[in-house]
């Protein structure tokens, strides 16, 4: 029911980010980026139904889902919101992408939409800094 103004590339990026940033057999509401999450939560996509995937899992909106992003902390913006250093969030995301890709740096770089040399450089930097 979403019109995907970015066409297939936008859909691919959304799916890629969900796979890299989350674990689990289904896509839940909290895993979706804005504006999809808002439209579903607001009831704009009332006809949204689970969509079977080739792996047997399903993609379905879940009204009670929470936002689960690697290193994101509390995204509510309140006084208790956890703010983490950007380098740490970046490091955790790269490490998670490498785990998902079985340490295949070019594949992880493709999922993160960055150059493999960026990952290699960051890995060297973290190793030199004593795994900061």
C-alpha atoms as a PDB file:
ATOM      1  CA  UNK A   1       0.000   0.000   0.000  1.00  0.00           C
ATOM      2  CA  UNK A   2       3.048   2.308   0.269  1.00  0.00           C
ATOM      3  CA  UNK A   3       3.819   4.125  -2.984  1.00  0.00           C
ATOM      4  CA  UNK A   4       7.659   3.779  -2.745  1.00  0.00           C
ATOM      5  CA  UNK A   5       8.655   7.144  -4.226  1.00  0.00           C
ATOM      6  CA  UNK A   6      12.248   5.901  -4.464  1.00  0.00           C
ATOM      7  CA  UNK A   7      11.128   2.844  -6.424  1.00  0.00           C
ATOM      8  CA  UNK A   8      13.024  -0.425  -6.174  1.00  0.00           C
ATOM      9  CA  UNK A   9      16.209   1.208  -4.873  1.00  0.00           C
ATOM     10  CA  UNK A  10      14.357   2.572  -1.832  1.00  0.00           C
ATOM     11  CA  UNK A  11      12.756  -0.812  -1.169  1.00  0.00           C
ATOM     12  CA  UNK A  12      16.135  -2.545  -1.487  1.00  0.00           C
ATOM     13  CA  UNK A  13      17.739  -0.111   0.964  1.00  0.00           C
ATOM     14  CA  UNK A  14      14.939  -0.592   3.495  1.00  0.00           C
ATOM     15  CA  UNK A  15      15.173  -4.383   3.299  1.00  0.00           C
ATOM     16  CA  UNK A  16      18.988  -4.308   3.419  1.00  0.00           C
ATOM     17  CA  UNK A  17      18.983  -2.089   6.519  1.00  0.00           C
ATOM     18  CA  UNK A  18      16.389  -4.245   8.275  1.00  0.00           C
ATOM     19  CA  UNK A  19      18.450  -7.383   7.629  1.00  0.00           C
ATOM     20  CA  UNK A  20      21.709  -5.808   8.823  1.00  0.00           C
ATOM     21  CA  UNK A  21      20.313  -4.061  11.888  1.00  0.00           C
ATOM     22  CA  UNK A  22      17.955  -6.745  13.207  1.00  0.00           C
ATOM     23  CA  UNK A  23      17.662 -10.444  13.959  1.00  0.00           C
ATOM     24  CA  UNK A  24      14.525 -12.509  13.800  1.00  0.00           C
ATOM     25  CA  UNK A  25      12.244 -14.377  11.438  1.00  0.00           C
ATOM     26  CA  UNK A  26       9.791 -11.503  10.811  1.00  0.00           C
ATOM     27  CA  UNK A  27       9.964  -7.790  10.192  1.00  0.00           C
ATOM     28  CA  UNK A  28       8.211  -5.901  12.967  1.00  0.00           C
ATOM     29  CA  UNK A  29       6.914  -2.330  13.012  1.00  0.00           C
ATOM     30  CA  UNK A  30       9.833  -1.065  15.075  1.00  0.00           C
ATOM     31  CA  UNK A  31      12.293  -2.259  12.432  1.00  0.00           C
ATOM     32  CA  UNK A  32      10.783  -0.078   9.720  1.00  0.00           C
ATOM     33  CA  UNK A  33      12.136   3.374   8.915  1.00  0.00           C
ATOM     34  CA  UNK A  34      10.096   6.530   8.803  1.00  0.00           C
ATOM     35  CA  UNK A  35       7.715   7.255   7.058  1.00  0.00           C
ATOM     36  CA  UNK A  36       6.601   3.609   6.817  1.00  0.00           C
ATOM     37  CA  UNK A  37       6.463   3.142  10.586  1.00  0.00           C
ATOM     38  CA  UNK A  38       4.400   6.309  11.113  1.00  0.00           C
ATOM     39  CA  UNK A  39       1.952   5.468   8.351  1.00  0.00           C
ATOM     40  CA  UNK A  40       1.329   1.990   9.733  1.00  0.00           C
ATOM     41  CA  UNK A  41       1.111   3.222  13.352  1.00  0.00           C
ATOM     42  CA  UNK A  42      -1.314   5.962  12.294  1.00  0.00           C
ATOM     43  CA  UNK A  43      -3.496   3.423  10.474  1.00  0.00           C
ATOM     44  CA  UNK A  44      -2.769   4.847   7.008  1.00  0.00           C
ATOM     45  CA  UNK A  45      -1.860   1.369   5.800  1.00  0.00           C
ATOM     46  CA  UNK A  46      -4.797  -0.510   7.254  1.00  0.00           C
ATOM     47  CA  UNK A  47      -4.635  -3.037   4.428  1.00  0.00           C
ATOM     48  CA  UNK A  48      -1.072  -4.068   5.301  1.00  0.00           C
ATOM     49  CA  UNK A  49      -0.939  -7.831   5.497  1.00  0.00           C
ATOM     50  CA  UNK A  50       1.882 -10.288   6.184  1.00  0.00           C
ATOM     51  CA  UNK A  51       3.838 -10.998   3.020  1.00  0.00           C
ATOM     52  CA  UNK A  52       5.380 -14.460   2.776  1.00  0.00           C
ATOM     53  CA  UNK A  53       9.077 -14.472   1.975  1.00  0.00           C
ATOM     54  CA  UNK A  54      11.033 -17.086   0.076  1.00  0.00           C
ATOM     55  CA  UNK A  55      12.594 -18.231   3.371  1.00  0.00           C
ATOM     56  CA  UNK A  56       9.230 -19.012   4.919  1.00  0.00           C
ATOM     57  CA  UNK A  57       9.260 -15.991   7.225  1.00  0.00           C
ATOM     58  CA  UNK A  58       6.731 -13.211   6.934  1.00  0.00           C
ATOM     59  CA  UNK A  59       6.816  -9.449   6.899  1.00  0.00           C
ATOM     60  CA  UNK A  60       4.036  -8.042   9.021  1.00  0.00           C
ATOM     61  CA  UNK A  61       3.360  -4.844  10.913  1.00  0.00           C
ATOM     62  CA  UNK A  62       3.300  -5.335  14.663  1.00  0.00           C
ATOM     63  CA  UNK A  63       1.559  -2.615  16.634  1.00  0.00           C
ATOM     64  CA  UNK A  64       3.408  -3.421  19.852  1.00  0.00           C
ATOM     65  CA  UNK A  65       6.898  -3.560  18.317  1.00  0.00           C
ATOM     66  CA  UNK A  66       9.635  -1.389  19.706  1.00  0.00           C
ATOM     67  CA  UNK A  67      12.424   0.357  17.854  1.00  0.00           C
ATOM     68  CA  UNK A  68      15.445  -1.923  17.828  1.00  0.00           C
ATOM     69  CA  UNK A  69      18.462  -0.435  16.090  1.00  0.00           C
ATOM     70  CA  UNK A  70      22.057  -1.313  16.765  1.00  0.00           C
ATOM     71  CA  UNK A  71      23.307   1.150  19.324  1.00  0.00           C
ATOM     72  CA  UNK A  72      20.362   3.502  18.969  1.00  0.00           C
ATOM     73  CA  UNK A  73      19.361   3.556  22.638  1.00  0.00           C
ATOM     74  CA  UNK A  74      16.125   5.308  23.585  1.00  0.00           C
ATOM     75  CA  UNK A  75      14.908   7.192  20.534  1.00  0.00           C
ATOM     76  CA  UNK A  76      12.183   9.060  22.426  1.00  0.00           C
ATOM     77  CA  UNK A  77      14.363  12.119  22.900  1.00  0.00           C
ATOM     78  CA  UNK A  78      13.416  12.460  26.569  1.00  0.00           C
ATOM     79  CA  UNK A  79      15.770  13.252  29.420  1.00  0.00           C
ATOM     80  CA  UNK A  80      16.528   9.547  29.861  1.00  0.00           C
ATOM     81  CA  UNK A  81      17.505   9.073  26.195  1.00  0.00           C
ATOM     82  CA  UNK A  82      20.808   7.270  25.859  1.00  0.00           C
ATOM     83  CA  UNK A  83      23.291   9.193  23.731  1.00  0.00           C
ATOM     84  CA  UNK A  84      26.261   7.146  22.602  1.00  0.00           C
ATOM     85  CA  UNK A  85      29.415   8.279  20.839  1.00  0.00           C
ATOM     86  CA  UNK A  86      29.082   8.089  17.077  1.00  0.00           C
ATOM     87  CA  UNK A  87      32.333   6.119  16.704  1.00  0.00           C
ATOM     88  CA  UNK A  88      30.949   3.426  19.015  1.00  0.00           C
ATOM     89  CA  UNK A  89      27.618   3.146  17.187  1.00  0.00           C
ATOM     90  CA  UNK A  90      29.513   3.014  13.887  1.00  0.00           C
ATOM     91  CA  UNK A  91      31.874   0.338  15.204  1.00  0.00           C
ATOM     92  CA  UNK A  92      29.004  -1.814  16.481  1.00  0.00           C
ATOM     93  CA  UNK A  93      27.127  -1.488  13.192  1.00  0.00           C
ATOM     94  CA  UNK A  94      30.185  -2.463  11.150  1.00  0.00           C
ATOM     95  CA  UNK A  95      30.863  -5.410  13.477  1.00  0.00           C
ATOM     96  CA  UNK A  96      27.238  -6.510  13.201  1.00  0.00           C
ATOM     97  CA  UNK A  97      27.348  -6.298   9.396  1.00  0.00           C
ATOM     98  CA  UNK A  98      30.556  -8.354   9.393  1.00  0.00           C
ATOM     99  CA  UNK A  99      28.907 -10.997  11.617  1.00  0.00           C
ATOM    100  CA  UNK A 100      25.879 -11.161   9.322  1.00  0.00           C
ATOM    101  CA  UNK A 101      28.202 -11.534   6.316  1.00  0.00           C
ATOM    102  CA  UNK A 102      30.529 -14.090   7.969  1.00  0.00           C
ATOM    103  CA  UNK A 103      33.393 -11.536   7.983  1.00  0.00           C
ATOM    104  CA  UNK A 104      33.110 -10.928   4.225  1.00  0.00           C
ATOM    105  CA  UNK A 105      34.226  -7.281   4.137  1.00  0.00           C
ATOM    106  CA  UNK A 106      33.118  -6.502   0.531  1.00  0.00           C
ATOM    107  CA  UNK A 107      29.666  -7.982   1.215  1.00  0.00           C
ATOM    108  CA  UNK A 108      29.319  -6.070   4.522  1.00  0.00           C
ATOM    109  CA  UNK A 109      30.430  -2.887   2.761  1.00  0.00           C
ATOM    110  CA  UNK A 110      27.768  -3.419   0.095  1.00  0.00           C
ATOM    111  CA  UNK A 111      25.064  -3.826   2.736  1.00  0.00           C
ATOM    112  CA  UNK A 112      26.255  -0.700   4.549  1.00  0.00           C
ATOM    113  CA  UNK A 113      26.598   1.165   1.250  1.00  0.00           C
ATOM    114  CA  UNK A 114      30.191   2.130   1.994  1.00  0.00           C
ATOM    115  CA  UNK A 115      33.523   1.279   0.419  1.00  0.00           C
ATOM    116  CA  UNK A 116      35.289  -1.890   1.588  1.00  0.00           C
ATOM    117  CA  UNK A 117      38.386   0.267   2.120  1.00  0.00           C
ATOM    118  CA  UNK A 118      36.435   2.225   4.747  1.00  0.00           C
ATOM    119  CA  UNK A 119      35.833  -0.962   6.725  1.00  0.00           C
ATOM    120  CA  UNK A 120      39.452  -2.096   6.365  1.00  0.00           C
ATOM    121  CA  UNK A 121      40.670   1.348   7.497  1.00  0.00           C
ATOM    122  CA  UNK A 122      38.344   1.406  10.509  1.00  0.00           C
ATOM    123  CA  UNK A 123      39.354  -2.132  11.530  1.00  0.00           C
ATOM    124  CA  UNK A 124      43.020  -1.107  11.432  1.00  0.00           C
ATOM    125  CA  UNK A 125      42.262   2.033  13.430  1.00  0.00           C
ATOM    126  CA  UNK A 126      40.394   0.108  16.120  1.00  0.00           C
ATOM    127  CA  UNK A 127      43.137  -2.535  16.291  1.00  0.00           C
ATOM    128  CA  UNK A 128      45.829   0.161  16.641  1.00  0.00           C
ATOM    129  CA  UNK A 129      43.805   1.899  19.373  1.00  0.00           C
ATOM    130  CA  UNK A 130      43.686  -1.320  21.375  1.00  0.00           C
ATOM    131  CA  UNK A 131      40.111  -2.250  20.449  1.00  0.00           C
ATOM    132  CA  UNK A 132      38.971   1.070  21.903  1.00  0.00           C
END
